[in-house]
Amino acid sequence: MNELEKINETIFESIKHVDDEGNEYWYARELQYILGYNQWRSINDLIKRAKVACKESDNNIHDHFAVQRKMVDIGSITLRNIVDYKLSRYACYLIA
């Protein structure tokens, strides 16, 4: 593994989350910035294509792309409901 691959793996692992059952997952909105996408619609297009690839490889999409709704602060007193995804390692691989 070269130095750049080590750096990329370290960055990827740094945004990993683990649930109470020990399952690893990554948030799509965190992954988008690591992959260099500033706008959600760009990564969302990749997610749509990755879901197709997931389904075509006989995997259950819902096991790898779990929809997550979040309330985020967009101003001093304003909240907005946004969509995110909890991604499996396999889903991240398909997106990248």
C-alpha atoms as a PDB file:
ATOM      1  CA  MET A   1       0.000   0.000   0.000  1.00  0.00           C
ATOM      2  CA  ASN A   2       1.480   3.350  -1.010  1.00  0.00           C
ATOM      3  CA  GLU A   3       1.460   6.471   1.138  1.00  0.00           C
ATOM      4  CA  LEU A   4      -1.573   8.039  -0.586  1.00  0.00           C
ATOM      5  CA  GLU A   5      -3.630   4.871  -0.095  1.00  0.00           C
ATOM      6  CA  LYS A   6      -2.707   4.873   3.614  1.00  0.00           C
ATOM      7  CA  ILE A   7      -3.798   8.500   3.970  1.00  0.00           C
ATOM      8  CA  ASN A   8      -7.088   7.848   2.165  1.00  0.00           C
ATOM      9  CA  GLU A   9      -7.791   4.782   4.314  1.00  0.00           C
ATOM     10  CA  THR A  10      -7.037   6.750   7.487  1.00  0.00           C
ATOM     11  CA  ILE A  11      -9.406   9.548   6.458  1.00  0.00           C
ATOM     12  CA  PHE A  12     -12.116   7.027   5.515  1.00  0.00           C
ATOM     13  CA  GLU A  13     -11.761   5.176   8.825  1.00  0.00           C
ATOM     14  CA  SER A  14     -11.830   8.462  10.758  1.00  0.00           C
ATOM     15  CA  ILE A  15     -15.482   9.075   9.775  1.00  0.00           C
ATOM     16  CA  LYS A  16     -16.599   5.529  10.552  1.00  0.00           C
ATOM     17  CA  HIS A  17     -19.371   5.076  13.099  1.00  0.00           C
ATOM     18  CA  VAL A  18     -20.278   1.931  15.018  1.00  0.00           C
ATOM     19  CA  ASP A  19     -23.775   1.228  16.316  1.00  0.00           C
ATOM     20  CA  ASP A  20     -24.692  -0.505  19.578  1.00  0.00           C
ATOM     21  CA  GLU A  21     -24.516  -3.924  17.901  1.00  0.00           C
ATOM     22  CA  GLY A  22     -21.016  -3.331  16.550  1.00  0.00           C
ATOM     23  CA  ASN A  23     -22.083  -2.657  12.942  1.00  0.00           C
ATOM     24  CA  GLU A  24     -19.902  -0.197  11.046  1.00  0.00           C
ATOM     25  CA  TYR A  25     -21.488   2.569   8.990  1.00  0.00           C
ATOM     26  CA  TRP A  26     -20.626   5.847   7.321  1.00  0.00           C
ATOM     27  CA  TYR A  27     -22.844   8.874   6.756  1.00  0.00           C
ATOM     28  CA  ALA A  28     -23.157   9.857   3.104  1.00  0.00           C
ATOM     29  CA  ARG A  29     -22.981  13.552   3.966  1.00  0.00           C
ATOM     30  CA  GLU A  30     -19.606  13.032   5.654  1.00  0.00           C
ATOM     31  CA  LEU A  31     -18.359  10.810   2.833  1.00  0.00           C
ATOM     32  CA  GLN A  32     -19.329  13.388   0.217  1.00  0.00           C
ATOM     33  CA  TYR A  33     -16.682  15.847   1.407  1.00  0.00           C
ATOM     34  CA  ILE A  34     -13.953  13.224   1.562  1.00  0.00           C
ATOM     35  CA  LEU A  35     -14.726  12.352  -2.054  1.00  0.00           C
ATOM     36  CA  GLY A  36     -14.541  16.028  -3.010  1.00  0.00           C
ATOM     37  CA  TYR A  37     -18.239  16.731  -3.624  1.00  0.00           C
ATOM     38  CA  ASN A  38     -19.479  20.045  -2.259  1.00  0.00           C
ATOM     39  CA  GLN A  39     -23.119  19.604  -3.240  1.00  0.00           C
ATOM     40  CA  TRP A  40     -25.485  16.912  -2.015  1.00  0.00           C
ATOM     41  CA  ARG A  41     -27.050  16.393  -5.436  1.00  0.00           C
ATOM     42  CA  SER A  42     -23.704  15.245  -6.856  1.00  0.00           C
ATOM     43  CA  ILE A  43     -23.184  12.511  -4.272  1.00  0.00           C
ATOM     44  CA  ASN A  44     -26.884  11.658  -4.362  1.00  0.00           C
ATOM     45  CA  ASP A  45     -26.554  10.838  -8.084  1.00  0.00           C
ATOM     46  CA  LEU A  46     -23.684   8.487  -7.235  1.00  0.00           C
ATOM     47  CA  ILE A  47     -25.768   6.896  -4.491  1.00  0.00           C
ATOM     48  CA  LYS A  48     -28.587   6.213  -6.951  1.00  0.00           C
ATOM     49  CA  ARG A  49     -26.163   4.466  -9.337  1.00  0.00           C
ATOM     50  CA  ALA A  50     -24.557   2.549  -6.475  1.00  0.00           C
ATOM     51  CA  LYS A  51     -28.000   1.299  -5.381  1.00  0.00           C
ATOM     52  CA  VAL A  52     -28.579  -0.082  -8.883  1.00  0.00           C
ATOM     53  CA  ALA A  53     -25.208  -1.853  -8.790  1.00  0.00           C
ATOM     54  CA  CYS A  54     -26.021  -3.213  -5.332  1.00  0.00           C
ATOM     55  CA  LYS A  55     -29.353  -4.609  -6.501  1.00  0.00           C
ATOM     56  CA  GLU A  56     -27.831  -6.070  -9.678  1.00  0.00           C
ATOM     57  CA  SER A  57     -25.306  -7.957  -7.551  1.00  0.00           C
ATOM     58  CA  ASP A  58     -28.221  -9.598  -5.672  1.00  0.00           C
ATOM     59  CA  ASN A  59     -27.712  -7.641  -2.456  1.00  0.00           C
ATOM     60  CA  ASN A  60     -30.524  -6.083  -0.452  1.00  0.00           C
ATOM     61  CA  ILE A  61     -30.302  -2.322  -0.944  1.00  0.00           C
ATOM     62  CA  HIS A  62     -31.775  -1.654   2.504  1.00  0.00           C
ATOM     63  CA  ASP A  63     -28.946  -3.598   4.150  1.00  0.00           C
ATOM     64  CA  HIS A  64     -26.383  -1.199   2.670  1.00  0.00           C
ATOM     65  CA  PHE A  65     -28.224   2.130   2.170  1.00  0.00           C
ATOM     66  CA  ALA A  66     -30.333   3.001   5.221  1.00  0.00           C
ATOM     67  CA  VAL A  67     -32.213   6.297   4.918  1.00  0.00           C
ATOM     68  CA  GLN A  68     -31.530   8.602   7.831  1.00  0.00           C
ATOM     69  CA  ARG A  69     -33.495  11.813   8.416  1.00  0.00           C
ATOM     70  CA  LYS A  70     -31.849  14.566  10.452  1.00  0.00           C
ATOM     71  CA  MET A  71     -32.779  17.992  11.704  1.00  0.00           C
ATOM     72  CA  VAL A  72     -29.974  20.476  11.073  1.00  0.00           C
ATOM     73  CA  ASP A  73     -29.567  24.077  12.126  1.00  0.00           C
ATOM     74  CA  ILE A  74     -29.458  26.373   9.081  1.00  0.00           C
ATOM     75  CA  GLY A  75     -29.686  29.682  10.889  1.00  0.00           C
ATOM     76  CA  SER A  76     -30.106  31.274  14.261  1.00  0.00           C
ATOM     77  CA  ILE A  77     -33.567  29.762  14.906  1.00  0.00           C
ATOM     78  CA  THR A  78     -34.259  27.699  11.787  1.00  0.00           C
ATOM     79  CA  LEU A  79     -34.090  23.913  11.502  1.00  0.00           C
ATOM     80  CA  ARG A  80     -34.399  21.881   8.326  1.00  0.00           C
ATOM     81  CA  ASN A  81     -35.168  18.214   7.886  1.00  0.00           C
ATOM     82  CA  ILE A  82     -32.572  16.626   5.570  1.00  0.00           C
ATOM     83  CA  VAL A  83     -32.017  13.165   4.150  1.00  0.00           C
ATOM     84  CA  ASP A  84     -28.784  11.300   4.751  1.00  0.00           C
ATOM     85  CA  TYR A  85     -27.801   7.664   4.393  1.00  0.00           C
ATOM     86  CA  LYS A  86     -26.129   5.261   6.758  1.00  0.00           C
ATOM     87  CA  LEU A  87     -23.863   3.354   4.394  1.00  0.00           C
ATOM     88  CA  SER A  88     -22.219  -0.016   4.793  1.00  0.00           C
ATOM     89  CA  ARG A  89     -18.596  -0.488   3.797  1.00  0.00           C
ATOM     90  CA  TYR A  90     -19.857  -2.185   0.625  1.00  0.00           C
ATOM     91  CA  ALA A  91     -22.057   0.829  -0.206  1.00  0.00           C
ATOM     92  CA  CYS A  92     -19.079   3.156   0.261  1.00  0.00           C
ATOM     93  CA  TYR A  93     -17.059   0.945  -2.075  1.00  0.00           C
ATOM     94  CA  LEU A  94     -19.789   1.148  -4.723  1.00  0.00           C
ATOM     95  CA  ILE A  95     -20.003   4.935  -4.397  1.00  0.00           C
ATOM     96  CA  ALA A  96     -16.241   5.495  -4.536  1.00  0.00           C
END
